[in-house]
Amino acid sequence: MRKHNVVVLDRDGTIVVDRHYLADPDALEFETGAEAGLSKMVAMGLRLVVITNQSGVARGLLSLARLEEIHSRFEQMLHLIDVQLDAIYFCPHGPGDECECRKPRLGLMKRAAAELEFDMSQAIVIGDKSSDIEFGANAGATTMLVRKPDAPATAMRPAPTYIVENLVQAADIIGNQLD
């Protein structure tokens, strides 16, 4: 049995293009390499979980019903490439709400770990923002930052375990280095 068998992924900017408060299911589009990377992860027998901050709900930019439509469309897109998620968890609160479920806090990670029966510290957390990396580090997990081509190379604290260009490169590292 492999040490790492759960990958916790951010949604926007990691799997799908970040549309800055996405409110239209038809605007969902995979990031470059996302389809192939997710397929590789599934082929390796990895379980995939999405944990995403969705403050657009708290900001009144989309309703919970609309978010459900977006996630339904998202899962349809994944189904078309034979990728199934174990679950999607989201925080609908704003940054100032001081909730326990908003990344980098661990409320949703603890819930996912309990419901899906995995050790948080054995997960791999992949995201495109410092809050994703801090979230993974708070859980004691291996972290991967999906670096955007136009993003400046700045020192991030905590530093990610790996920096990748896309989910294909992340899958390759998982397959080659994290068994």
Protein backbone atom coordinates (compact mmCIF):
# COMPACT_ATOMS: atom_id res chain seq x y z
CA MET A 1 0.00 0.00 0.00
CA ARG A 2 1.32 3.42 -0.89
CA LYS A 3 2.08 5.95 1.80
CA HIS A 4 0.18 8.73 0.00
CA ASN A 5 -3.21 7.67 -1.32
CA VAL A 6 -5.31 10.85 -1.05
CA VAL A 7 -4.77 14.01 -3.06
CA VAL A 8 -6.58 17.11 -1.79
CA LEU A 9 -6.94 19.65 -4.58
CA ASP A 10 -7.99 23.25 -4.76
CA ARG A 11 -10.55 23.91 -7.52
CA ASP A 12 -10.02 27.35 -9.09
CA GLY A 13 -6.60 27.93 -10.58
CA THR A 14 -5.60 24.31 -9.96
CA ILE A 15 -8.14 22.12 -11.77
CA VAL A 16 -10.22 24.75 -13.57
CA VAL A 17 -9.34 28.21 -14.82
CA ASP A 18 -9.80 30.81 -12.09
CA ARG A 19 -12.61 33.11 -13.30
CA HIS A 20 -12.53 35.39 -10.21
CA TYR A 21 -15.74 34.45 -8.40
CA LEU A 22 -17.01 32.01 -11.00
CA ALA A 23 -20.81 32.23 -11.11
CA ASP A 24 -21.60 30.53 -14.44
CA PRO A 25 -21.31 26.74 -14.81
CA ASP A 26 -20.78 27.19 -18.56
CA ALA A 27 -17.59 29.17 -17.86
CA LEU A 28 -15.87 26.14 -16.32
CA GLU A 29 -12.76 25.20 -18.27
CA PHE A 30 -9.95 22.84 -17.31
CA GLU A 31 -6.53 24.31 -16.62
CA THR A 32 -3.81 23.20 -19.01
CA GLY A 33 -2.72 19.69 -18.03
CA ALA A 34 -5.55 19.18 -15.54
CA GLU A 35 -7.35 16.45 -17.47
CA ALA A 36 -4.21 14.42 -18.11
CA GLY A 37 -2.87 14.97 -14.59
CA LEU A 38 -6.10 13.92 -12.89
CA SER A 39 -6.35 10.87 -15.17
CA LYS A 40 -2.80 9.85 -14.20
CA MET A 41 -3.63 10.21 -10.53
CA VAL A 42 -6.73 8.04 -10.91
CA ALA A 43 -4.69 5.45 -12.83
CA MET A 44 -2.27 5.35 -9.87
CA GLY A 45 -5.18 4.49 -7.59
CA LEU A 46 -5.17 7.83 -5.79
CA ARG A 47 -8.33 9.14 -4.16
CA LEU A 48 -9.18 12.73 -5.15
CA VAL A 49 -10.85 15.27 -2.88
CA VAL A 50 -11.54 18.93 -3.68
CA ILE A 51 -11.50 21.51 -0.89
CA THR A 52 -12.23 25.04 -2.05
CA ASN A 53 -12.88 28.47 -0.57
CA GLN A 54 -15.96 30.00 -2.21
CA SER A 55 -16.30 33.45 -0.65
CA GLY A 56 -18.40 34.57 -3.63
CA VAL A 57 -21.34 33.10 -1.71
CA ALA A 58 -20.70 35.33 1.33
CA ARG A 59 -20.12 38.30 -0.96
CA GLY A 60 -23.52 37.76 -2.63
CA LEU A 61 -21.96 37.05 -6.03
CA LEU A 62 -23.57 33.60 -6.26
CA SER A 63 -26.09 31.58 -4.29
CA LEU A 64 -25.54 28.17 -2.74
CA ALA A 65 -27.93 26.79 -5.40
CA ARG A 66 -25.74 28.28 -8.13
CA LEU A 67 -22.63 26.83 -6.50
CA GLU A 68 -24.33 23.42 -6.54
CA GLU A 69 -24.97 23.89 -10.29
CA ILE A 70 -21.30 24.75 -10.82
CA HIS A 71 -20.18 21.68 -8.88
CA SER A 72 -22.64 19.49 -10.77
CA ARG A 73 -21.21 20.75 -14.09
CA PHE A 74 -17.68 20.30 -12.71
CA GLU A 75 -18.41 16.66 -11.83
CA GLN A 76 -19.93 16.10 -15.30
CA MET A 77 -16.72 17.40 -16.88
CA LEU A 78 -14.68 15.07 -14.70
CA HIS A 79 -16.96 12.13 -15.55
CA LEU A 80 -16.26 12.73 -19.26
CA ILE A 81 -12.57 12.04 -18.60
CA ASP A 82 -13.31 9.07 -16.29
CA VAL A 83 -12.30 10.91 -13.14
CA GLN A 84 -14.43 10.63 -10.02
CA LEU A 85 -13.93 12.65 -6.88
CA ASP A 86 -14.40 11.14 -3.44
CA ALA A 87 -15.97 14.46 -2.40
CA ILE A 88 -16.10 18.22 -2.82
CA TYR A 89 -15.96 20.36 0.31
CA PHE A 90 -16.37 24.13 0.22
CA CYS A 91 -16.29 27.10 2.56
CA PRO A 92 -18.98 29.66 1.65
CA HIS A 93 -17.69 32.26 4.13
CA GLY A 94 -15.72 35.43 3.56
CA PRO A 95 -12.16 36.06 4.72
CA GLY A 96 -13.30 38.11 7.71
CA ASP A 97 -15.85 35.60 8.97
CA GLU A 98 -13.34 33.78 11.21
CA CYS A 99 -14.87 30.39 10.42
CA GLU A 100 -12.99 27.14 10.92
CA CYS A 101 -13.73 25.84 7.42
CA ARG A 102 -11.91 28.51 5.37
CA LYS A 103 -8.46 27.50 4.19
CA PRO A 104 -5.82 27.71 5.58
CA ARG A 105 -7.75 26.57 8.67
CA LEU A 106 -8.31 22.84 8.93
CA GLY A 107 -12.05 22.50 9.50
CA LEU A 108 -12.80 21.02 6.06
CA MET A 109 -9.65 18.89 6.04
CA LYS A 110 -10.59 17.38 9.40
CA ARG A 111 -14.12 16.74 8.17
CA ALA A 112 -12.85 15.12 4.95
CA ALA A 113 -10.33 12.98 6.84
CA ALA A 114 -13.01 11.77 9.26
CA GLU A 115 -15.67 11.12 6.62
CA LEU A 116 -13.35 9.55 4.05
CA GLU A 117 -11.07 7.85 6.59
CA PHE A 118 -7.61 9.09 5.74
CA ASP A 119 -4.67 10.51 7.67
CA MET A 120 -4.32 14.25 6.90
CA SER A 121 -0.55 14.07 7.31
CA GLN A 122 -0.36 11.40 4.61
CA ALA A 123 -2.31 13.47 2.06
CA ILE A 124 -0.86 15.49 -0.78
CA VAL A 125 -2.32 19.00 -1.02
CA ILE A 126 -2.17 20.74 -4.40
CA GLY A 127 -3.18 24.36 -4.94
CA ASP A 128 -2.21 27.61 -6.60
CA LYS A 129 -2.22 30.04 -3.67
CA SER A 130 -0.24 30.53 -0.48
CA SER A 131 -3.38 29.72 1.54
CA ASP A 132 -3.45 26.26 -0.10
CA ILE A 133 0.17 25.63 0.84
CA GLU A 134 -0.38 26.90 4.39
CA PHE A 135 -3.49 24.68 4.60
CA GLY A 136 -1.46 21.61 3.60
CA ALA A 137 1.38 22.51 5.93
CA ASN A 138 -1.08 22.97 8.81
CA ALA A 139 -2.25 19.39 8.16
CA GLY A 140 1.31 18.08 8.06
CA ALA A 141 0.77 17.07 4.42
CA THR A 142 3.07 17.12 1.41
CA THR A 143 2.30 20.30 -0.55
CA MET A 144 2.51 21.21 -4.22
CA LEU A 145 2.15 24.73 -5.57
CA VAL A 146 0.83 25.02 -9.11
CA ARG A 147 2.82 28.06 -10.20
CA LYS A 148 1.26 30.32 -12.79
CA PRO A 149 3.56 31.38 -15.65
CA ASP A 150 2.93 35.08 -14.97
CA ALA A 151 3.32 34.76 -11.19
CA PRO A 152 6.47 36.28 -9.71
CA ALA A 153 8.88 33.87 -8.07
CA THR A 154 8.58 35.06 -4.48
CA ALA A 155 9.45 33.41 -1.24
CA MET A 156 6.33 31.76 0.16
CA ARG A 157 6.03 30.86 3.83
CA PRO A 158 5.61 28.10 4.46
CA ALA A 159 7.40 26.97 1.36
CA PRO A 160 5.70 24.27 -0.73
CA THR A 161 7.28 20.84 -0.77
CA TYR A 162 7.20 20.97 -4.59
CA ILE A 163 6.51 23.62 -7.21
CA VAL A 164 4.85 22.33 -10.37
CA GLU A 165 3.68 23.86 -13.64
CA ASN A 166 0.46 21.80 -13.83
CA LEU A 167 -1.26 18.65 -12.61
CA VAL A 168 0.62 16.45 -15.09
CA GLN A 169 3.89 17.41 -13.45
CA ALA A 170 2.29 16.91 -10.03
CA ALA A 171 1.15 13.40 -11.03
CA ASP A 172 4.63 12.59 -12.33
CA ILE A 173 6.21 13.63 -9.03
CA ILE A 174 3.67 11.60 -7.07
CA GLY A 175 4.35 8.56 -9.23
CA ASN A 176 8.14 8.90 -9.22
CA GLN A 177 9.02 10.33 -5.83
CA LEU A 178 6.24 9.79 -3.35
CA ASP A 179 5.59 6.05 -3.41
